[in-house]
Amino acid sequence: MTLRQAALTVGFAMLVMTLATPLANFYFYPRVVISGDIAQTVQNLVTHRGFFLGAILGFLVNFTCDLVIAWALYFLLAPVNRALSLLMAWFQVVYTVVGFGAVFKLISVDHLVSGPEFLTLLGAGPLDAQVRLLLEGFRTEWSGAMVLFEIHLLLLGYLVFRSGYIPRILGILLVINGLGWMVDSLSPYLYPNARLGFISITWYGELVFMVWLLVRGWKIREPAVEA
C-alpha cells in the first residue's frame, strides 16, 4: 500500500465513522435507553426495537472502521518508525476488540427482550436486572477501553509529528486530542467535581486530521530512499 492509498483509506474510514457513531450514540441509543428508568427502557426496547438495532449497527460500523484505520495507519506511518507504528496499530486493534465485545452485550439485550420466553422464565424483575447489567456493562467496557485508544492517539500524534510528510501541527493536535480524552476519562475517579466541559474542544484534533487526509492525502509523496 502506498502512502497516498493509506492516507485516503484512513480519511474515508474516519469519515464513515464520523457519520455512523454520533447517529448511533446520540440519536438511536438515547431514544431507547433511559438513564435511571430500566422499566421504561425495557418497554422502549420492545416497542422501538428499530432504534436499538440502528444503534447496534452504528456501533458495529464504528469499530469495523477502527480496524480499517489501524491497518491503514500502520502503512501510513511505518516509514517513520515501523516498530512504533505497529505498536500504535495494536493499541487501536485491542481497543476495537474490547469494543466489539461491548456491542455483543447490546445484541444479548435485544435477544432477551425480543423473545417472550425469557420474560416467562425469568419474570419482569430479574429480566429488568439482567438488561440493566448488560447495558451498564456495554458502557463500562467501552469507557475502560478508551484508555487504549488514548495511548494510540498519543503515539499517532508523535509519529505524525516526526513524519516529515504530514504537517507537524496535526501531530500536536492529535497529542492534545489524546490528552483531552485521558483527562475526561480520569475525571470521575480523580476530580469528579471539576467542570471540564471545555475539554471537548480538544477532540476536534481527529476531525482536522481526517479533513487533511481527505483533501491533501492524495498528494503525499513517498519518502526518498537513501542509498
C-alpha atoms as a PDB file:
ATOM      1  CA  MET A   1       0.000   0.000   0.000  1.00  0.00           C
ATOM      2  CA  THR A   2       1.371   3.430  -0.944  1.00  0.00           C
ATOM      3  CA  LEU A   3       1.272   6.355   1.454  1.00  0.00           C
ATOM      4  CA  ARG A   4      -1.410   8.008  -0.673  1.00  0.00           C
ATOM      5  CA  GLN A   5      -3.610   4.922  -0.606  1.00  0.00           C
ATOM      6  CA  ALA A   6      -3.104   4.568   3.144  1.00  0.00           C
ATOM      7  CA  ALA A   7      -3.907   8.245   3.781  1.00  0.00           C
ATOM      8  CA  LEU A   8      -7.122   8.137   1.759  1.00  0.00           C
ATOM      9  CA  THR A   9      -8.179   4.834   3.346  1.00  0.00           C
ATOM     10  CA  VAL A  10      -7.778   6.334   6.817  1.00  0.00           C
ATOM     11  CA  GLY A  11      -9.600   9.513   5.761  1.00  0.00           C
ATOM     12  CA  PHE A  12     -12.619   7.756   4.264  1.00  0.00           C
ATOM     13  CA  ALA A  13     -12.874   5.277   7.160  1.00  0.00           C
ATOM     14  CA  MET A  14     -12.791   8.172   9.622  1.00  0.00           C
ATOM     15  CA  LEU A  15     -15.495   9.932   7.574  1.00  0.00           C
ATOM     16  CA  VAL A  16     -17.784   6.882   7.743  1.00  0.00           C
ATOM     17  CA  MET A  17     -17.127   6.639  11.481  1.00  0.00           C
ATOM     18  CA  THR A  18     -17.883  10.342  11.934  1.00  0.00           C
ATOM     19  CA  LEU A  19     -21.288   9.784  10.356  1.00  0.00           C
ATOM     20  CA  ALA A  20     -22.161   6.439  11.988  1.00  0.00           C
ATOM     21  CA  THR A  21     -21.027   6.918  15.580  1.00  0.00           C
ATOM     22  CA  PRO A  22     -22.902  10.125  16.504  1.00  0.00           C
ATOM     23  CA  LEU A  23     -26.026   8.732  14.847  1.00  0.00           C
ATOM     24  CA  ALA A  24     -25.814   5.583  16.971  1.00  0.00           C
ATOM     25  CA  ASN A  25     -24.648   7.163  20.218  1.00  0.00           C
ATOM     26  CA  PHE A  26     -26.621  10.416  20.282  1.00  0.00           C
ATOM     27  CA  TYR A  27     -29.739   9.677  18.213  1.00  0.00           C
ATOM     28  CA  PHE A  28     -30.756   5.998  18.216  1.00  0.00           C
ATOM     29  CA  TYR A  29     -29.415   4.857  21.598  1.00  0.00           C
ATOM     30  CA  PRO A  30     -30.881   7.675  23.791  1.00  0.00           C
ATOM     31  CA  ARG A  31     -34.299   7.231  22.187  1.00  0.00           C
ATOM     32  CA  VAL A  32     -34.463   3.756  23.698  1.00  0.00           C
ATOM     33  CA  VAL A  33     -32.213   3.639  26.759  1.00  0.00           C
ATOM     34  CA  ILE A  34     -33.458   5.947  29.526  1.00  0.00           C
ATOM     35  CA  SER A  35     -30.920   6.549  32.272  1.00  0.00           C
ATOM     36  CA  GLY A  36     -32.303   5.660  35.707  1.00  0.00           C
ATOM     37  CA  ASP A  37     -35.520   4.101  34.382  1.00  0.00           C
ATOM     38  CA  ILE A  38     -34.913   0.486  33.464  1.00  0.00           C
ATOM     39  CA  ALA A  39     -38.633  -0.368  33.290  1.00  0.00           C
ATOM     40  CA  GLN A  40     -39.222   2.307  30.630  1.00  0.00           C
ATOM     41  CA  THR A  41     -36.037   1.245  28.869  1.00  0.00           C
ATOM     42  CA  VAL A  42     -37.227  -2.353  28.581  1.00  0.00           C
ATOM     43  CA  GLN A  43     -40.581  -1.118  27.288  1.00  0.00           C
ATOM     44  CA  ASN A  44     -38.786   1.030  24.703  1.00  0.00           C
ATOM     45  CA  LEU A  45     -36.648  -1.916  23.643  1.00  0.00           C
ATOM     46  CA  VAL A  46     -39.807  -3.822  22.833  1.00  0.00           C
ATOM     47  CA  THR A  47     -41.802  -1.046  21.148  1.00  0.00           C
ATOM     48  CA  HIS A  48     -38.920   0.780  19.445  1.00  0.00           C
ATOM     49  CA  ARG A  49     -36.666  -2.107  18.527  1.00  0.00           C
ATOM     50  CA  GLY A  50     -35.709  -0.487  15.228  1.00  0.00           C
ATOM     51  CA  PHE A  51     -33.939   2.377  17.017  1.00  0.00           C
ATOM     52  CA  PHE A  52     -31.985  -0.068  19.161  1.00  0.00           C
ATOM     53  CA  LEU A  53     -30.962  -2.162  16.161  1.00  0.00           C
ATOM     54  CA  GLY A  54     -29.905   1.061  14.432  1.00  0.00           C
ATOM     55  CA  ALA A  55     -27.671   1.869  17.405  1.00  0.00           C
ATOM     56  CA  ILE A  56     -26.124  -1.614  17.330  1.00  0.00           C
ATOM     57  CA  LEU A  57     -25.450  -1.313  13.605  1.00  0.00           C
ATOM     58  CA  GLY A  58     -23.866   2.109  14.071  1.00  0.00           C
ATOM     59  CA  PHE A  59     -21.555   0.829  16.813  1.00  0.00           C
ATOM     60  CA  LEU A  60     -20.547  -2.174  14.684  1.00  0.00           C
ATOM     61  CA  VAL A  61     -19.724   0.153  11.780  1.00  0.00           C
ATOM     62  CA  ASN A  62     -17.708   2.335  14.176  1.00  0.00           C
ATOM     63  CA  PHE A  63     -15.485  -0.490  15.394  1.00  0.00           C
ATOM     64  CA  THR A  64     -15.133  -2.002  11.917  1.00  0.00           C
ATOM     65  CA  CYS A  65     -13.825   1.360  10.728  1.00  0.00           C
ATOM     66  CA  ASP A  66     -11.424   1.349  13.686  1.00  0.00           C
ATOM     67  CA  LEU A  67      -9.898  -1.880  12.399  1.00  0.00           C
ATOM     68  CA  VAL A  68      -9.520  -0.471   8.892  1.00  0.00           C
ATOM     69  CA  ILE A  69      -7.952   2.707  10.290  1.00  0.00           C
ATOM     70  CA  ALA A  70      -5.472   0.757  12.436  1.00  0.00           C
ATOM     71  CA  TRP A  71      -4.401  -1.283   9.406  1.00  0.00           C
ATOM     72  CA  ALA A  72      -4.006   1.735   7.096  1.00  0.00           C
ATOM     73  CA  LEU A  73      -2.310   3.922   9.724  1.00  0.00           C
ATOM     74  CA  TYR A  74       0.382   1.283  10.108  1.00  0.00           C
ATOM     75  CA  PHE A  75       1.260   1.597   6.413  1.00  0.00           C
ATOM     76  CA  LEU A  76       0.970   5.379   6.516  1.00  0.00           C
ATOM     77  CA  LEU A  77       3.450   5.793   9.374  1.00  0.00           C
ATOM     78  CA  ALA A  78       5.691   2.728   9.061  1.00  0.00           C
ATOM     79  CA  PRO A  79       8.348   4.774   7.189  1.00  0.00           C
ATOM     80  CA  VAL A  80       8.740   6.932  10.328  1.00  0.00           C
ATOM     81  CA  ASN A  81       9.248   4.067  12.768  1.00  0.00           C
ATOM     82  CA  ARG A  82       7.980   0.612  11.858  1.00  0.00           C
ATOM     83  CA  ALA A  83       8.067  -0.798  15.390  1.00  0.00           C
ATOM     84  CA  LEU A  84       6.286   2.190  16.946  1.00  0.00           C
ATOM     85  CA  SER A  85       3.750   2.253  14.129  1.00  0.00           C
ATOM     86  CA  LEU A  86       2.975  -1.405  14.778  1.00  0.00           C
ATOM     87  CA  LEU A  87       2.574  -0.724  18.497  1.00  0.00           C
ATOM     88  CA  MET A  88       0.219   2.177  17.734  1.00  0.00           C
ATOM     89  CA  ALA A  89      -1.882  -0.074  15.499  1.00  0.00           C
ATOM     90  CA  TRP A  90      -2.039  -2.824  18.124  1.00  0.00           C
ATOM     91  CA  PHE A  91      -3.344  -0.426  20.773  1.00  0.00           C
ATOM     92  CA  GLN A  92      -6.199   0.501  18.430  1.00  0.00           C
ATOM     93  CA  VAL A  93      -6.858  -3.129  17.484  1.00  0.00           C
ATOM     94  CA  VAL A  94      -7.118  -4.248  21.127  1.00  0.00           C
ATOM     95  CA  TYR A  95      -9.384  -1.272  21.875  1.00  0.00           C
ATOM     96  CA  THR A  96     -11.548  -2.340  18.941  1.00  0.00           C
ATOM     97  CA  VAL A  97     -11.757  -5.960  20.088  1.00  0.00           C
ATOM     98  CA  VAL A  98     -12.965  -4.816  23.517  1.00  0.00           C
ATOM     99  CA  GLY A  99     -15.430  -2.503  21.774  1.00  0.00           C
ATOM    100  CA  PHE A 100     -16.867  -5.369  19.727  1.00  0.00           C
ATOM    101  CA  GLY A 101     -17.247  -7.376  22.935  1.00  0.00           C
ATOM    102  CA  ALA A 102     -19.171  -4.485  24.479  1.00  0.00           C
ATOM    103  CA  VAL A 103     -21.517  -4.296  21.471  1.00  0.00           C
ATOM    104  CA  PHE A 104     -22.237  -8.013  21.778  1.00  0.00           C
ATOM    105  CA  LYS A 105     -23.797  -7.176  25.151  1.00  0.00           C
ATOM    106  CA  LEU A 106     -26.308  -4.983  23.294  1.00  0.00           C
ATOM    107  CA  ILE A 107     -27.054  -7.886  20.975  1.00  0.00           C
ATOM    108  CA  SER A 108     -27.722 -10.022  24.073  1.00  0.00           C
ATOM    109  CA  VAL A 109     -30.084  -7.325  25.367  1.00  0.00           C
ATOM    110  CA  ASP A 110     -32.044  -7.402  22.110  1.00  0.00           C
ATOM    111  CA  HIS A 111     -32.193 -11.196  22.284  1.00  0.00           C
ATOM    112  CA  LEU A 112     -33.531 -11.060  25.854  1.00  0.00           C
ATOM    113  CA  VAL A 113     -36.332  -8.578  25.245  1.00  0.00           C
ATOM    114  CA  SER A 114     -37.393  -9.760  21.783  1.00  0.00           C
ATOM    115  CA  GLY A 115     -38.120 -13.318  22.932  1.00  0.00           C
ATOM    116  CA  PRO A 116     -41.220 -13.649  25.170  1.00  0.00           C
ATOM    117  CA  GLU A 117     -39.877 -16.914  26.608  1.00  0.00           C
ATOM    118  CA  PHE A 118     -37.264 -15.026  28.636  1.00  0.00           C
ATOM    119  CA  LEU A 119     -39.937 -12.944  30.372  1.00  0.00           C
ATOM    120  CA  THR A 120     -41.785 -16.159  31.219  1.00  0.00           C
ATOM    121  CA  LEU A 121     -38.672 -17.900  32.500  1.00  0.00           C
ATOM    122  CA  LEU A 122     -37.137 -15.005  34.434  1.00  0.00           C
ATOM    123  CA  GLY A 123     -40.051 -12.771  35.381  1.00  0.00           C
ATOM    124  CA  ALA A 124     -40.204  -8.990  34.960  1.00  0.00           C
ATOM    125  CA  GLY A 125     -37.872  -8.063  37.832  1.00  0.00           C
ATOM    126  CA  PRO A 126     -34.966 -10.410  37.032  1.00  0.00           C
ATOM    127  CA  LEU A 127     -35.288  -9.622  33.323  1.00  0.00           C
ATOM    128  CA  ASP A 128     -35.035  -5.885  34.018  1.00  0.00           C
ATOM    129  CA  ALA A 129     -31.984  -6.509  36.223  1.00  0.00           C
ATOM    130  CA  GLN A 130     -30.297  -8.576  33.513  1.00  0.00           C
ATOM    131  CA  VAL A 131     -30.936  -5.915  30.882  1.00  0.00           C
ATOM    132  CA  ARG A 132     -29.593  -3.209  33.181  1.00  0.00           C
ATOM    133  CA  LEU A 133     -26.458  -5.231  33.901  1.00  0.00           C
ATOM    134  CA  LEU A 134     -25.758  -5.735  30.190  1.00  0.00           C
ATOM    135  CA  LEU A 135     -26.388  -2.084  29.296  1.00  0.00           C
ATOM    136  CA  GLU A 136     -24.107  -0.879  32.077  1.00  0.00           C
ATOM    137  CA  GLY A 137     -21.501  -3.449  31.030  1.00  0.00           C
ATOM    138  CA  PHE A 138     -21.560  -2.048  27.495  1.00  0.00           C
ATOM    139  CA  ARG A 139     -20.744   1.472  28.714  1.00  0.00           C
ATOM    140  CA  THR A 140     -18.213   0.325  31.303  1.00  0.00           C
ATOM    141  CA  GLU A 141     -16.225  -1.834  28.892  1.00  0.00           C
ATOM    142  CA  TRP A 142     -16.221   0.804  26.151  1.00  0.00           C
ATOM    143  CA  SER A 143     -15.133   3.505  28.616  1.00  0.00           C
ATOM    144  CA  GLY A 144     -12.383   1.290  30.003  1.00  0.00           C
ATOM    145  CA  ALA A 145     -11.092   0.505  26.520  1.00  0.00           C
ATOM    146  CA  MET A 146     -10.781   4.234  25.829  1.00  0.00           C
ATOM    147  CA  VAL A 147      -7.505   4.184  27.793  1.00  0.00           C
ATOM    148  CA  LEU A 148      -6.019   2.070  24.996  1.00  0.00           C
ATOM    149  CA  PHE A 149      -7.414   4.447  22.375  1.00  0.00           C
ATOM    150  CA  GLU A 150      -5.898   7.427  24.183  1.00  0.00           C
ATOM    151  CA  ILE A 151      -2.449   5.816  24.136  1.00  0.00           C
ATOM    152  CA  HIS A 152      -2.982   5.093  20.442  1.00  0.00           C
ATOM    153  CA  LEU A 153      -3.686   8.788  19.833  1.00  0.00           C
ATOM    154  CA  LEU A 154      -0.541   9.870  21.682  1.00  0.00           C
ATOM    155  CA  LEU A 155       1.594   7.506  19.605  1.00  0.00           C
ATOM    156  CA  LEU A 156      -0.191   8.611  16.438  1.00  0.00           C
ATOM    157  CA  GLY A 157       0.466  12.259  17.200  1.00  0.00           C
ATOM    158  CA  TYR A 158       4.155  11.580  17.846  1.00  0.00           C
ATOM    159  CA  LEU A 159       4.575   9.642  14.597  1.00  0.00           C
ATOM    160  CA  VAL A 160       2.736  12.294  12.587  1.00  0.00           C
ATOM    161  CA  PHE A 161       4.926  14.998  14.133  1.00  0.00           C
ATOM    162  CA  ARG A 162       8.071  13.076  13.182  1.00  0.00           C
ATOM    163  CA  SER A 163       6.891  12.020   9.713  1.00  0.00           C
ATOM    164  CA  GLY A 164       8.003  14.989   7.618  1.00  0.00           C
ATOM    165  CA  TYR A 165       5.283  14.337   5.012  1.00  0.00           C
ATOM    166  CA  ILE A 166       2.333  15.292   7.237  1.00  0.00           C
ATOM    167  CA  PRO A 167       2.173  18.786   8.826  1.00  0.00           C
ATOM    168  CA  ARG A 168       3.612  18.801  12.328  1.00  0.00           C
ATOM    169  CA  ILE A 169       0.681  20.835  13.633  1.00  0.00           C
ATOM    170  CA  LEU A 170      -1.549  17.800  13.036  1.00  0.00           C
ATOM    171  CA  GLY A 171       0.703  15.708  15.267  1.00  0.00           C
ATOM    172  CA  ILE A 172       0.442  18.331  18.009  1.00  0.00           C
ATOM    173  CA  LEU A 173      -3.345  18.431  17.687  1.00  0.00           C
ATOM    174  CA  LEU A 174      -3.565  14.645  17.917  1.00  0.00           C
ATOM    175  CA  VAL A 175      -1.445  14.572  21.067  1.00  0.00           C
ATOM    176  CA  ILE A 176      -3.671  17.261  22.595  1.00  0.00           C
ATOM    177  CA  ASN A 177      -6.662  15.190  21.454  1.00  0.00           C
ATOM    178  CA  GLY A 178      -5.332  12.115  23.270  1.00  0.00           C
ATOM    179  CA  LEU A 179      -4.560  14.091  26.419  1.00  0.00           C
ATOM    180  CA  GLY A 180      -8.062  15.587  26.333  1.00  0.00           C
ATOM    181  CA  TRP A 181      -9.648  12.143  26.188  1.00  0.00           C
ATOM    182  CA  MET A 182      -7.385  10.998  29.020  1.00  0.00           C
ATOM    183  CA  VAL A 183      -8.327  13.915  31.274  1.00  0.00           C
ATOM    184  CA  ASP A 184     -12.003  13.283  30.565  1.00  0.00           C
ATOM    185  CA  SER A 185     -11.706   9.534  31.265  1.00  0.00           C
ATOM    186  CA  LEU A 186      -9.976  10.088  34.603  1.00  0.00           C
ATOM    187  CA  SER A 187     -12.335  12.824  35.805  1.00  0.00           C
ATOM    188  CA  PRO A 188     -14.888  10.513  37.524  1.00  0.00           C
ATOM    189  CA  TYR A 189     -12.093   8.993  39.628  1.00  0.00           C
ATOM    190  CA  LEU A 190      -9.611  11.806  40.315  1.00  0.00           C
ATOM    191  CA  TYR A 191     -11.621  15.032  40.138  1.00  0.00           C
ATOM    192  CA  PRO A 192     -15.352  14.198  39.986  1.00  0.00           C
ATOM    193  CA  ASN A 193     -16.491  17.723  40.865  1.00  0.00           C
ATOM    194  CA  ALA A 194     -14.339  19.556  38.331  1.00  0.00           C
ATOM    195  CA  ARG A 195     -16.068  21.304  35.442  1.00  0.00           C
ATOM    196  CA  LEU A 196     -14.265  20.094  32.351  1.00  0.00           C
ATOM    197  CA  GLY A 197     -16.722  20.839  29.572  1.00  0.00           C
ATOM    198  CA  PHE A 198     -14.098  22.869  27.748  1.00  0.00           C
ATOM    199  CA  ILE A 199     -12.021  19.680  27.273  1.00  0.00           C
ATOM    200  CA  SER A 200     -14.338  18.618  24.440  1.00  0.00           C
ATOM    201  CA  ILE A 201     -12.703  21.187  22.140  1.00  0.00           C
ATOM    202  CA  THR A 202      -9.552  19.033  22.093  1.00  0.00           C
ATOM    203  CA  TRP A 203     -11.480  16.217  20.401  1.00  0.00           C
ATOM    204  CA  TYR A 204     -11.549  18.150  17.123  1.00  0.00           C
ATOM    205  CA  GLY A 205      -7.934  17.113  16.503  1.00  0.00           C
ATOM    206  CA  GLU A 206      -9.125  13.881  14.899  1.00  0.00           C
ATOM    207  CA  LEU A 207     -11.597  15.807  12.750  1.00  0.00           C
ATOM    208  CA  VAL A 208      -8.881  18.162  11.470  1.00  0.00           C
ATOM    209  CA  PHE A 209      -6.642  15.163  10.750  1.00  0.00           C
ATOM    210  CA  MET A 210      -9.457  13.473   8.803  1.00  0.00           C
ATOM    211  CA  VAL A 211     -10.131  16.560   6.697  1.00  0.00           C
ATOM    212  CA  TRP A 212      -6.441  16.951   5.887  1.00  0.00           C
ATOM    213  CA  LEU A 213      -6.186  13.309   4.798  1.00  0.00           C
ATOM    214  CA  LEU A 214      -9.225  13.617   2.530  1.00  0.00           C
ATOM    215  CA  VAL A 215      -8.121  16.930   0.982  1.00  0.00           C
ATOM    216  CA  ARG A 216      -4.337  16.559   0.871  1.00  0.00           C
ATOM    217  CA  GLY A 217      -3.736  12.861   1.394  1.00  0.00           C
ATOM    218  CA  TRP A 218      -3.603  12.091  -2.312  1.00  0.00           C
ATOM    219  CA  LYS A 219      -0.641  14.488  -2.664  1.00  0.00           C
ATOM    220  CA  ILE A 220       1.590  12.759  -0.122  1.00  0.00           C
ATOM    221  CA  ARG A 221       4.907  11.805  -1.663  1.00  0.00           C
ATOM    222  CA  GLU A 222       6.745   8.626  -0.893  1.00  0.00           C
ATOM    223  CA  PRO A 223       9.789   9.338   1.298  1.00  0.00           C
ATOM    224  CA  ALA A 224      13.068   9.271  -0.541  1.00  0.00           C
ATOM    225  CA  VAL A 225      15.087   6.098  -0.056  1.00  0.00           C
ATOM    226  CA  GLU A 226      18.699   6.799   0.913  1.00  0.00           C
ATOM    227  CA  ALA A 227      21.438   4.756  -0.781  1.00  0.00           C
END
